[in-house]
Amino acid sequence: MPAICMGINMNKREFIYISVLTLAIAFMDITGIPGALFVNIQFADIEPFYFTLMINFLIIGIIAFLFLRILCPKWTLGFWKKGLKEGLKKYGVIGAAAAIVGFIAFYVGLSPFDRHPSIAKVLVEGVIYYVGVAIIEELYVRGLLLNLIEKIFAKSKNCTLTAVILSSVIFGVGHIFGVLNQPLPVIVSKVVWTVGMGMFFGMVYKKTGNLWLPIIIHFLINVCALPYCFSSINGYADLTLYIIVPVYIILGIYSFMELKKEVQIL
């Protein structure tokens, strides 16, 4: 198990580089730029913006790879096998359970269903798109941002816990942009549950040192929004929120206690 608060060794220049990269990826992820400026693919009944965002994910991935390879070759993200098997055994079941609960919540909240999508639409909008979401969001929120914050608070006994909390809050607030047209209770609920989700992803990442693990769990949780492909409803039903929000509050508290426990041991 990786030691807590070891942080990442880097000089001031590397810190600036990683900060710039994190902000750039966040901007591209939220705005869809540059993909939104030139991509307009029409295929079957798939919404064109999904292709725009997926191509943007590829652009982000290429930029991040070259940036890290050339300017910050010593930066360690956790894209390796070490800790993956053990992490799946310990946290995979919890992540899968959260995903199943999410699927049930969306299913009961959206039914009865009134759309009949093509197989291509279901695969692209309900599965493939979320592969990119999981990889890119975990790359810059956990792999970059969380580690940056941990480095800032490196001299604090609670630096890892602080980093997980702050990165999770930023992760939650960042999801406001997708629900700005929704009622205030929905916006607050979305932020609360994504903060709890971020706490879990951050805890799993720091406990295992493996970035693939939160990526896999993130994907499983996101792909359980599959019922949206079969419904014309874009928002969240009250019943869906009543199920999901308490689950992620509990998951967030569990993650906090797991991290706090390790701080106390140290």
C-alpha atoms as a PDB file:
ATOM      1  CA  MET A   1       0.000   0.000   0.000  1.00  0.00           C
ATOM      2  CA  PRO A   2       1.381   3.412  -0.975  1.00  0.00           C
ATOM      3  CA  ALA A   3       2.465   5.576   1.945  1.00  0.00           C
ATOM      4  CA  ILE A   4       0.231   8.532   2.724  1.00  0.00           C
ATOM      5  CA  CYS A   5       1.650  12.042   2.209  1.00  0.00           C
ATOM      6  CA  MET A   6       4.716  10.957   0.316  1.00  0.00           C
ATOM      7  CA  GLY A   7       3.568  13.238  -2.499  1.00  0.00           C
ATOM      8  CA  ILE A   8       5.408  13.533  -5.806  1.00  0.00           C
ATOM      9  CA  ASN A   9       8.921  14.869  -5.996  1.00  0.00           C
ATOM     10  CA  MET A  10       9.042  17.793  -8.415  1.00  0.00           C
ATOM     11  CA  ASN A  11      10.659  21.167  -8.734  1.00  0.00           C
ATOM     12  CA  LYS A  12       8.935  24.525  -9.103  1.00  0.00           C
ATOM     13  CA  ARG A  13       9.023  24.378 -12.900  1.00  0.00           C
ATOM     14  CA  GLU A  14       7.338  20.967 -12.962  1.00  0.00           C
ATOM     15  CA  PHE A  15       4.716  22.232 -10.523  1.00  0.00           C
ATOM     16  CA  ILE A  16       3.881  25.096 -12.882  1.00  0.00           C
ATOM     17  CA  TYR A  17       3.788  22.759 -15.894  1.00  0.00           C
ATOM     18  CA  ILE A  18       1.403  20.341 -14.186  1.00  0.00           C
ATOM     19  CA  SER A  19      -0.799  23.188 -12.978  1.00  0.00           C
ATOM     20  CA  VAL A  20      -1.075  24.573 -16.510  1.00  0.00           C
ATOM     21  CA  LEU A  21      -1.818  21.118 -17.929  1.00  0.00           C
ATOM     22  CA  THR A  22      -4.523  20.487 -15.311  1.00  0.00           C
ATOM     23  CA  LEU A  23      -6.259  23.791 -16.028  1.00  0.00           C
ATOM     24  CA  ALA A  24      -5.978  23.259 -19.791  1.00  0.00           C
ATOM     25  CA  ILE A  25      -7.525  19.788 -19.635  1.00  0.00           C
ATOM     26  CA  ALA A  26     -10.306  21.001 -17.337  1.00  0.00           C
ATOM     27  CA  PHE A  27     -11.091  23.821 -19.782  1.00  0.00           C
ATOM     28  CA  MET A  28     -11.119  21.493 -22.783  1.00  0.00           C
ATOM     29  CA  ASP A  29     -13.226  18.913 -20.964  1.00  0.00           C
ATOM     30  CA  ILE A  30     -15.864  21.416 -19.806  1.00  0.00           C
ATOM     31  CA  THR A  31     -16.092  23.449 -23.031  1.00  0.00           C
ATOM     32  CA  GLY A  32     -15.518  20.734 -25.620  1.00  0.00           C
ATOM     33  CA  ILE A  33     -12.886  22.941 -27.262  1.00  0.00           C
ATOM     34  CA  PRO A  34     -11.113  22.440 -29.640  1.00  0.00           C
ATOM     35  CA  GLY A  35     -13.287  19.554 -30.897  1.00  0.00           C
ATOM     36  CA  ALA A  36     -16.427  21.695 -30.854  1.00  0.00           C
ATOM     37  CA  LEU A  37     -14.831  24.086 -33.350  1.00  0.00           C
ATOM     38  CA  PHE A  38     -14.412  21.626 -36.212  1.00  0.00           C
ATOM     39  CA  VAL A  39     -16.120  18.284 -35.488  1.00  0.00           C
ATOM     40  CA  ASN A  40     -19.673  17.724 -36.709  1.00  0.00           C
ATOM     41  CA  ILE A  41     -20.247  14.060 -37.424  1.00  0.00           C
ATOM     42  CA  GLN A  42     -23.713  12.823 -38.314  1.00  0.00           C
ATOM     43  CA  PHE A  43     -24.307   9.084 -37.926  1.00  0.00           C
ATOM     44  CA  ALA A  44     -27.558   7.159 -37.429  1.00  0.00           C
ATOM     45  CA  ASP A  45     -29.597   8.569 -34.531  1.00  0.00           C
ATOM     46  CA  ILE A  46     -26.537   9.448 -32.411  1.00  0.00           C
ATOM     47  CA  GLU A  47     -26.400  13.018 -31.113  1.00  0.00           C
ATOM     48  CA  PRO A  48     -23.476  14.727 -32.975  1.00  0.00           C
ATOM     49  CA  PHE A  49     -22.012  16.276 -29.813  1.00  0.00           C
ATOM     50  CA  TYR A  50     -21.029  12.806 -28.548  1.00  0.00           C
ATOM     51  CA  PHE A  51     -18.607  12.450 -31.465  1.00  0.00           C
ATOM     52  CA  THR A  52     -17.367  15.973 -30.797  1.00  0.00           C
ATOM     53  CA  LEU A  53     -16.627  15.172 -27.155  1.00  0.00           C
ATOM     54  CA  MET A  54     -15.023  11.806 -27.914  1.00  0.00           C
ATOM     55  CA  ILE A  55     -12.655  13.333 -30.461  1.00  0.00           C
ATOM     56  CA  ASN A  56     -11.909  16.021 -27.896  1.00  0.00           C
ATOM     57  CA  PHE A  57     -10.994  13.248 -25.438  1.00  0.00           C
ATOM     58  CA  LEU A  58      -8.491  11.910 -27.982  1.00  0.00           C
ATOM     59  CA  ILE A  59      -6.986  15.377 -28.439  1.00  0.00           C
ATOM     60  CA  ILE A  60      -6.711  15.807 -24.663  1.00  0.00           C
ATOM     61  CA  GLY A  61      -5.074  12.404 -24.331  1.00  0.00           C
ATOM     62  CA  ILE A  62      -2.471  13.169 -26.996  1.00  0.00           C
ATOM     63  CA  ILE A  63      -1.690  16.585 -25.514  1.00  0.00           C
ATOM     64  CA  ALA A  64      -1.398  15.163 -21.987  1.00  0.00           C
ATOM     65  CA  PHE A  65       0.850  12.302 -23.145  1.00  0.00           C
ATOM     66  CA  LEU A  66       3.246  14.578 -25.043  1.00  0.00           C
ATOM     67  CA  PHE A  67       3.211  17.234 -22.299  1.00  0.00           C
ATOM     68  CA  LEU A  68       4.038  14.745 -19.558  1.00  0.00           C
ATOM     69  CA  ARG A  69       6.530  12.793 -21.662  1.00  0.00           C
ATOM     70  CA  ILE A  70       8.505  15.862 -22.719  1.00  0.00           C
ATOM     71  CA  LEU A  71       8.163  18.346 -19.858  1.00  0.00           C
ATOM     72  CA  CYS A  72       7.448  16.180 -16.783  1.00  0.00           C
ATOM     73  CA  PRO A  73       8.817  12.681 -17.455  1.00  0.00           C
ATOM     74  CA  LYS A  74       9.160  11.945 -13.722  1.00  0.00           C
ATOM     75  CA  TRP A  75       5.494  12.624 -12.967  1.00  0.00           C
ATOM     76  CA  THR A  76       3.881   9.379 -11.850  1.00  0.00           C
ATOM     77  CA  LEU A  77       0.174   8.907 -12.528  1.00  0.00           C
ATOM     78  CA  GLY A  78      -0.351   5.265 -11.643  1.00  0.00           C
ATOM     79  CA  PHE A  79      -1.029   3.780 -15.078  1.00  0.00           C
ATOM     80  CA  TRP A  80       0.370   0.358 -14.177  1.00  0.00           C
ATOM     81  CA  LYS A  81      -0.649  -3.111 -13.005  1.00  0.00           C
ATOM     82  CA  LYS A  82       0.706  -2.717  -9.486  1.00  0.00           C
ATOM     83  CA  GLY A  83      -2.113  -2.592  -6.952  1.00  0.00           C
ATOM     84  CA  LEU A  84      -4.842  -3.240  -9.533  1.00  0.00           C
ATOM     85  CA  LYS A  85      -5.682  -6.831  -8.635  1.00  0.00           C
ATOM     86  CA  GLU A  86      -5.669  -6.206  -4.886  1.00  0.00           C
ATOM     87  CA  GLY A  87      -7.627  -2.992  -5.328  1.00  0.00           C
ATOM     88  CA  LEU A  88     -10.313  -4.706  -7.401  1.00  0.00           C
ATOM     89  CA  LYS A  89     -10.729  -7.320  -4.703  1.00  0.00           C
ATOM     90  CA  LYS A  90     -11.051  -4.729  -1.954  1.00  0.00           C
ATOM     91  CA  TYR A  91     -12.961  -1.908  -3.667  1.00  0.00           C
ATOM     92  CA  GLY A  92     -14.344  -3.425  -6.856  1.00  0.00           C
ATOM     93  CA  VAL A  93     -17.389  -4.920  -5.160  1.00  0.00           C
ATOM     94  CA  ILE A  94     -18.233  -1.575  -3.522  1.00  0.00           C
ATOM     95  CA  GLY A  95     -17.884   0.219  -6.845  1.00  0.00           C
ATOM     96  CA  ALA A  96     -19.983  -2.391  -8.658  1.00  0.00           C
ATOM     97  CA  ALA A  97     -22.667  -2.150  -5.963  1.00  0.00           C
ATOM     98  CA  ALA A  98     -22.786   1.651  -6.349  1.00  0.00           C
ATOM     99  CA  ALA A  99     -23.099   1.196 -10.108  1.00  0.00           C
ATOM    100  CA  ILE A 100     -25.989  -1.249  -9.749  1.00  0.00           C
ATOM    101  CA  VAL A 101     -27.796   1.088  -7.364  1.00  0.00           C
ATOM    102  CA  GLY A 102     -27.278   3.874  -9.873  1.00  0.00           C
ATOM    103  CA  PHE A 103     -28.745   1.780 -12.673  1.00  0.00           C
ATOM    104  CA  ILE A 104     -31.799   0.950 -10.571  1.00  0.00           C
ATOM    105  CA  ALA A 105     -32.227   4.616  -9.632  1.00  0.00           C
ATOM    106  CA  PHE A 106     -32.116   5.750 -13.263  1.00  0.00           C
ATOM    107  CA  TYR A 107     -34.334   2.894 -14.401  1.00  0.00           C
ATOM    108  CA  VAL A 108     -37.139   3.548 -11.933  1.00  0.00           C
ATOM    109  CA  GLY A 109     -36.840   7.304 -12.390  1.00  0.00           C
ATOM    110  CA  LEU A 110     -37.034   7.220 -16.190  1.00  0.00           C
ATOM    111  CA  SER A 111     -39.552   4.439 -16.787  1.00  0.00           C
ATOM    112  CA  PRO A 112     -41.737   3.957 -18.720  1.00  0.00           C
ATOM    113  CA  PHE A 113     -39.400   4.416 -21.665  1.00  0.00           C
ATOM    114  CA  ASP A 114     -40.515   6.173 -24.845  1.00  0.00           C
ATOM    115  CA  ARG A 115     -37.509   5.943 -27.163  1.00  0.00           C
ATOM    116  CA  HIS A 116     -36.324   3.132 -29.388  1.00  0.00           C
ATOM    117  CA  PRO A 117     -32.636   3.827 -30.100  1.00  0.00           C
ATOM    118  CA  SER A 118     -30.457   1.987 -32.588  1.00  0.00           C
ATOM    119  CA  ILE A 119     -27.770  -0.384 -31.332  1.00  0.00           C
ATOM    120  CA  ALA A 120     -25.169   2.145 -32.515  1.00  0.00           C
ATOM    121  CA  LYS A 121     -26.722   4.877 -30.348  1.00  0.00           C
ATOM    122  CA  VAL A 122     -26.755   2.646 -27.270  1.00  0.00           C
ATOM    123  CA  LEU A 123     -23.133   1.603 -27.782  1.00  0.00           C
ATOM    124  CA  VAL A 124     -21.783   5.096 -28.487  1.00  0.00           C
ATOM    125  CA  GLU A 125     -23.866   7.225 -26.104  1.00  0.00           C
ATOM    126  CA  GLY A 126     -24.280   4.613 -23.378  1.00  0.00           C
ATOM    127  CA  VAL A 127     -20.913   2.818 -23.355  1.00  0.00           C
ATOM    128  CA  ILE A 128     -18.052   4.067 -25.551  1.00  0.00           C
ATOM    129  CA  TYR A 129     -18.487   7.724 -24.613  1.00  0.00           C
ATOM    130  CA  TYR A 130     -18.149   6.869 -20.927  1.00  0.00           C
ATOM    131  CA  VAL A 131     -14.806   5.164 -21.496  1.00  0.00           C
ATOM    132  CA  GLY A 132     -13.414   8.552 -22.504  1.00  0.00           C
ATOM    133  CA  VAL A 133     -15.161  10.352 -19.642  1.00  0.00           C
ATOM    134  CA  ALA A 134     -13.680   7.971 -17.059  1.00  0.00           C
ATOM    135  CA  ILE A 135     -10.129   8.141 -18.431  1.00  0.00           C
ATOM    136  CA  ILE A 136      -9.970  11.913 -18.949  1.00  0.00           C
ATOM    137  CA  GLU A 137     -11.678  12.916 -15.690  1.00  0.00           C
ATOM    138  CA  GLU A 138      -9.571  10.554 -13.603  1.00  0.00           C
ATOM    139  CA  LEU A 139      -6.452  11.710 -15.432  1.00  0.00           C
ATOM    140  CA  TYR A 140      -6.813  15.364 -14.522  1.00  0.00           C
ATOM    141  CA  VAL A 141      -8.853  15.216 -11.296  1.00  0.00           C
ATOM    142  CA  ARG A 142      -7.081  12.373  -9.524  1.00  0.00           C
ATOM    143  CA  GLY A 143      -3.822  11.890 -11.472  1.00  0.00           C
ATOM    144  CA  LEU A 144      -2.996  15.595 -11.710  1.00  0.00           C
ATOM    145  CA  LEU A 145      -5.149  17.825  -9.478  1.00  0.00           C
ATOM    146  CA  LEU A 146      -5.263  15.594  -6.400  1.00  0.00           C
ATOM    147  CA  ASN A 147      -1.505  15.074  -6.490  1.00  0.00           C
ATOM    148  CA  LEU A 148      -0.900  18.794  -6.977  1.00  0.00           C
ATOM    149  CA  ILE A 149      -2.973  19.637  -3.913  1.00  0.00           C
ATOM    150  CA  GLU A 150      -1.227  16.927  -1.933  1.00  0.00           C
ATOM    151  CA  LYS A 151       2.114  18.466  -2.885  1.00  0.00           C
ATOM    152  CA  ILE A 152       0.937  21.911  -1.734  1.00  0.00           C
ATOM    153  CA  PHE A 153      -0.004  20.488   1.675  1.00  0.00           C
ATOM    154  CA  ALA A 154       2.927  18.048   1.800  1.00  0.00           C
ATOM    155  CA  LYS A 155       4.114  19.291   5.199  1.00  0.00           C
ATOM    156  CA  SER A 156       0.711  18.681   6.765  1.00  0.00           C
ATOM    157  CA  LYS A 157      -0.055  15.407   8.522  1.00  0.00           C
ATOM    158  CA  ASN A 158      -3.423  15.305   6.751  1.00  0.00           C
ATOM    159  CA  CYS A 159      -2.154  16.254   3.292  1.00  0.00           C
ATOM    160  CA  THR A 160      -3.655  13.261   1.484  1.00  0.00           C
ATOM    161  CA  LEU A 161      -7.018  13.600   3.207  1.00  0.00           C
ATOM    162  CA  THR A 162      -7.030  17.324   2.442  1.00  0.00           C
ATOM    163  CA  ALA A 163      -6.131  16.671  -1.196  1.00  0.00           C
ATOM    164  CA  VAL A 164      -8.879  14.076  -1.626  1.00  0.00           C
ATOM    165  CA  ILE A 165     -11.493  16.358  -0.047  1.00  0.00           C
ATOM    166  CA  LEU A 166     -10.550  19.470  -2.030  1.00  0.00           C
ATOM    167  CA  SER A 167     -10.236  17.631  -5.347  1.00  0.00           C
ATOM    168  CA  SER A 168     -13.612  15.972  -4.692  1.00  0.00           C
ATOM    169  CA  VAL A 169     -15.289  19.315  -4.008  1.00  0.00           C
ATOM    170  CA  ILE A 170     -13.830  20.721  -7.224  1.00  0.00           C
ATOM    171  CA  PHE A 171     -14.962  17.566  -9.034  1.00  0.00           C
ATOM    172  CA  GLY A 172     -18.483  18.056  -7.668  1.00  0.00           C
ATOM    173  CA  VAL A 173     -18.695  21.766  -8.431  1.00  0.00           C
ATOM    174  CA  GLY A 174     -17.421  21.079 -11.945  1.00  0.00           C
ATOM    175  CA  HIS A 175     -20.544  19.024 -12.632  1.00  0.00           C
ATOM    176  CA  ILE A 176     -22.782  22.066 -12.115  1.00  0.00           C
ATOM    177  CA  PHE A 177     -22.304  23.025 -15.762  1.00  0.00           C
ATOM    178  CA  GLY A 178     -24.249  19.952 -16.878  1.00  0.00           C
ATOM    179  CA  VAL A 179     -27.311  20.785 -14.768  1.00  0.00           C
ATOM    180  CA  LEU A 180     -27.491  24.585 -14.893  1.00  0.00           C
ATOM    181  CA  ASN A 181     -30.946  24.412 -16.490  1.00  0.00           C
ATOM    182  CA  GLN A 182     -32.272  22.182 -13.694  1.00  0.00           C
ATOM    183  CA  PRO A 183     -34.056  23.244 -10.460  1.00  0.00           C
ATOM    184  CA  LEU A 184     -31.819  24.226  -7.521  1.00  0.00           C
ATOM    185  CA  PRO A 185     -32.481  20.987  -5.541  1.00  0.00           C
ATOM    186  CA  VAL A 186     -31.282  18.980  -8.548  1.00  0.00           C
ATOM    187  CA  ILE A 187     -28.133  21.092  -8.868  1.00  0.00           C
ATOM    188  CA  VAL A 188     -27.344  20.712  -5.164  1.00  0.00           C
ATOM    189  CA  SER A 189     -28.045  16.966  -5.313  1.00  0.00           C
ATOM    190  CA  LYS A 190     -25.751  16.561  -8.316  1.00  0.00           C
ATOM    191  CA  VAL A 191     -22.913  18.355  -6.548  1.00  0.00           C
ATOM    192  CA  VAL A 192     -23.386  16.390  -3.318  1.00  0.00           C
ATOM    193  CA  TRP A 193     -23.404  13.008  -4.982  1.00  0.00           C
ATOM    194  CA  THR A 194     -20.425  13.756  -7.231  1.00  0.00           C
ATOM    195  CA  VAL A 195     -18.444  15.013  -4.225  1.00  0.00           C
ATOM    196  CA  GLY A 196     -19.171  11.698  -2.495  1.00  0.00           C
ATOM    197  CA  MET A 197     -18.228   9.854  -5.662  1.00  0.00           C
ATOM    198  CA  GLY A 198     -15.013  11.847  -5.912  1.00  0.00           C
ATOM    199  CA  MET A 199     -14.159  11.022  -2.296  1.00  0.00           C
ATOM    200  CA  PHE A 200     -14.442   7.329  -3.127  1.00  0.00           C
ATOM    201  CA  PHE A 201     -12.378   7.578  -6.311  1.00  0.00           C
ATOM    202  CA  GLY A 202      -9.722   9.627  -4.524  1.00  0.00           C
ATOM    203  CA  MET A 203      -9.552   7.251  -1.578  1.00  0.00           C
ATOM    204  CA  VAL A 204      -9.232   4.219  -3.856  1.00  0.00           C
ATOM    205  CA  TYR A 205      -6.511   5.945  -5.879  1.00  0.00           C
ATOM    206  CA  LYS A 206      -4.409   6.942  -2.871  1.00  0.00           C
ATOM    207  CA  LYS A 207      -4.899   3.604  -1.119  1.00  0.00           C
ATOM    208  CA  THR A 208      -3.782   1.570  -4.141  1.00  0.00           C
ATOM    209  CA  GLY A 209      -1.549   3.972  -6.076  1.00  0.00           C
ATOM    210  CA  ASN A 210      -3.209   2.702  -9.247  1.00  0.00           C
ATOM    211  CA  LEU A 211      -5.124   5.119 -11.497  1.00  0.00           C
ATOM    212  CA  TRP A 212      -6.704   2.347 -13.565  1.00  0.00           C
ATOM    213  CA  LEU A 213      -8.802   1.312 -10.586  1.00  0.00           C
ATOM    214  CA  PRO A 214     -10.805   4.562 -10.193  1.00  0.00           C
ATOM    215  CA  ILE A 215     -11.054   4.705 -13.994  1.00  0.00           C
ATOM    216  CA  ILE A 216     -12.669   1.256 -14.094  1.00  0.00           C
ATOM    217  CA  ILE A 217     -15.056   2.033 -11.232  1.00  0.00           C
ATOM    218  CA  HIS A 218     -15.840   5.459 -12.706  1.00  0.00           C
ATOM    219  CA  PHE A 219     -16.734   3.797 -16.014  1.00  0.00           C
ATOM    220  CA  LEU A 220     -18.958   1.190 -14.351  1.00  0.00           C
ATOM    221  CA  ILE A 221     -20.847   3.870 -12.442  1.00  0.00           C
ATOM    222  CA  ASN A 222     -21.267   6.108 -15.485  1.00  0.00           C
ATOM    223  CA  VAL A 223     -22.347   3.353 -17.853  1.00  0.00           C
ATOM    224  CA  CYS A 224     -25.260   2.599 -15.547  1.00  0.00           C
ATOM    225  CA  ALA A 225     -26.873   5.771 -16.900  1.00  0.00           C
ATOM    226  CA  LEU A 226     -27.685   3.596 -19.926  1.00  0.00           C
ATOM    227  CA  PRO A 227     -31.469   3.960 -19.368  1.00  0.00           C
ATOM    228  CA  TYR A 228     -31.176   7.553 -20.624  1.00  0.00           C
ATOM    229  CA  CYS A 229     -30.664   6.159 -24.138  1.00  0.00           C
ATOM    230  CA  PHE A 230     -34.230   4.847 -23.971  1.00  0.00           C
ATOM    231  CA  SER A 231     -35.878   7.943 -22.517  1.00  0.00           C
ATOM    232  CA  SER A 232     -36.555  11.462 -23.798  1.00  0.00           C
ATOM    233  CA  ILE A 233     -36.226  12.823 -20.234  1.00  0.00           C
ATOM    234  CA  ASN A 234     -32.984  14.777 -19.723  1.00  0.00           C
ATOM    235  CA  GLY A 235     -33.232  15.636 -16.028  1.00  0.00           C
ATOM    236  CA  TYR A 236     -33.415  13.658 -12.801  1.00  0.00           C
ATOM    237  CA  ALA A 237     -36.616  12.332 -11.280  1.00  0.00           C
ATOM    238  CA  ASP A 238     -37.093  12.916  -7.541  1.00  0.00           C
ATOM    239  CA  LEU A 239     -37.085   9.163  -6.955  1.00  0.00           C
ATOM    240  CA  THR A 240     -33.716   8.851  -8.675  1.00  0.00           C
ATOM    241  CA  LEU A 241     -32.227  11.506  -6.399  1.00  0.00           C
ATOM    242  CA  TYR A 242     -33.751   9.935  -3.284  1.00  0.00           C
ATOM    243  CA  ILE A 243     -31.882   6.723  -4.103  1.00  0.00           C
ATOM    244  CA  ILE A 244     -28.565   8.033  -5.412  1.00  0.00           C
ATOM    245  CA  VAL A 245     -27.769  10.946  -3.097  1.00  0.00           C
ATOM    246  CA  PRO A 246     -27.874   8.986   0.210  1.00  0.00           C
ATOM    247  CA  VAL A 247     -25.752   6.219  -1.318  1.00  0.00           C
ATOM    248  CA  TYR A 248     -22.966   8.607  -2.285  1.00  0.00           C
ATOM    249  CA  ILE A 249     -23.142  10.496   0.983  1.00  0.00           C
ATOM    250  CA  ILE A 250     -22.537   7.179   2.746  1.00  0.00           C
ATOM    251  CA  LEU A 251     -19.774   6.302   0.263  1.00  0.00           C
ATOM    252  CA  GLY A 252     -18.132   9.676   0.851  1.00  0.00           C
ATOM    253  CA  ILE A 253     -18.239   9.249   4.633  1.00  0.00           C
ATOM    254  CA  TYR A 254     -16.815   5.725   4.294  1.00  0.00           C
ATOM    255  CA  SER A 255     -13.969   7.060   2.141  1.00  0.00           C
ATOM    256  CA  PHE A 256     -13.268   9.862   4.618  1.00  0.00           C
ATOM    257  CA  MET A 257     -13.073   7.368   7.512  1.00  0.00           C
ATOM    258  CA  GLU A 258     -10.757   5.067   5.556  1.00  0.00           C
ATOM    259  CA  LEU A 259      -8.353   7.916   4.875  1.00  0.00           C
ATOM    260  CA  LYS A 260      -8.660   9.319   8.394  1.00  0.00           C
ATOM    261  CA  LYS A 261      -7.922   5.886   9.830  1.00  0.00           C
ATOM    262  CA  GLU A 262      -4.638   5.704   7.952  1.00  0.00           C
ATOM    263  CA  VAL A 263      -3.646   9.212   9.048  1.00  0.00           C
ATOM    264  CA  GLN A 264      -4.228   8.210  12.668  1.00  0.00           C
ATOM    265  CA  ILE A 265      -2.115   5.072  12.224  1.00  0.00           C
ATOM    266  CA  LEU A 266       0.738   7.131  10.828  1.00  0.00           C
END
